[in-house]
Amino acid sequence: MTYDRLVCANCASPVNEGRCAVCRANRERLQQENFFAGLNGLNPMALIALLTVLIAAVALLAHQTA
């Protein structure tokens, strides 16, 4: 689960906004625990494009070595 869907019990606002000290502390903790936290801002089309480029690069390397 990502923290952008969590609601703070202390201030009743989304945790990703960090309005209170509890929100900010939990946001920091979740970012440190979540390895893929940096990818939350990427849209699915960007991830698909990145995956396509990676597959094309691997295919090109495999074609050159054969």
Protein backbone atom coordinates (compact mmCIF):
# COMPACT_ATOMS: atom_id res chain seq x y z
CA MET A 1 0.00 0.00 0.00
CA THR A 2 1.22 3.46 -0.77
CA TYR A 3 0.88 6.33 1.64
CA ASP A 4 -1.00 8.50 -0.86
CA ARG A 5 -4.21 6.64 0.07
CA LEU A 6 -3.75 6.77 3.84
CA VAL A 7 -5.65 9.20 6.06
CA CYS A 8 -4.09 10.48 9.27
CA ALA A 9 -5.98 9.65 12.47
CA ASN A 10 -4.56 12.76 14.12
CA CYS A 11 -5.67 15.47 11.67
CA ALA A 12 -7.93 13.53 9.24
CA SER A 13 -6.00 14.69 6.18
CA PRO A 14 -4.12 12.57 3.63
CA VAL A 15 -0.75 11.44 4.99
CA ASN A 16 1.06 12.43 1.77
CA GLU A 17 0.20 16.10 2.41
CA GLY A 18 2.05 16.04 5.78
CA ARG A 19 -0.10 18.64 7.51
CA CYS A 20 0.77 17.61 11.07
CA ALA A 21 3.82 16.13 12.81
CA VAL A 22 2.24 12.66 12.87
CA CYS A 23 1.63 12.78 9.10
CA ARG A 24 5.18 13.91 8.40
CA ALA A 25 6.69 11.23 10.65
CA ASN A 26 4.63 8.47 9.08
CA ARG A 27 5.34 9.74 5.58
CA GLU A 28 9.09 9.64 6.26
CA ARG A 29 8.85 6.16 7.78
CA LEU A 30 6.86 4.82 4.83
CA GLN A 31 9.27 6.36 2.32
CA GLN A 32 12.22 4.70 4.02
CA GLU A 33 10.47 1.32 4.17
CA ASN A 34 9.18 1.40 0.61
CA PHE A 35 11.94 0.68 -1.93
CA PHE A 36 9.73 1.78 -4.82
CA ALA A 37 8.58 5.01 -3.19
CA GLY A 38 10.39 7.02 -5.84
CA LEU A 39 8.27 5.44 -8.58
CA ASN A 40 5.01 6.67 -7.10
CA GLY A 41 5.25 9.88 -9.09
CA LEU A 42 5.74 8.14 -12.44
CA ASN A 43 2.72 7.51 -14.57
CA PRO A 44 2.09 4.07 -16.09
CA MET A 45 2.93 5.24 -19.63
CA ALA A 46 6.39 6.34 -18.51
CA LEU A 47 6.98 2.95 -16.89
CA ILE A 48 5.81 1.15 -20.05
CA ALA A 49 8.12 3.32 -22.18
CA LEU A 50 11.05 2.60 -19.86
CA LEU A 51 10.33 -1.13 -19.99
CA THR A 52 10.09 -1.03 -23.80
CA VAL A 53 13.46 0.70 -24.09
CA LEU A 54 15.02 -1.81 -21.73
CA ILE A 55 13.64 -4.78 -23.70
CA ALA A 56 14.84 -3.24 -26.97
CA ALA A 57 18.33 -2.74 -25.55
CA VAL A 58 18.52 -6.34 -24.34
CA ALA A 59 17.26 -7.59 -27.71
CA LEU A 60 19.87 -5.50 -29.53
CA LEU A 61 22.65 -6.85 -27.32
CA ALA A 62 21.44 -10.42 -27.83
CA HIS A 63 21.32 -9.90 -31.61
CA GLN A 64 24.86 -8.49 -31.71
CA THR A 65 26.37 -11.37 -29.77
CA ALA A 66 24.68 -14.07 -31.88
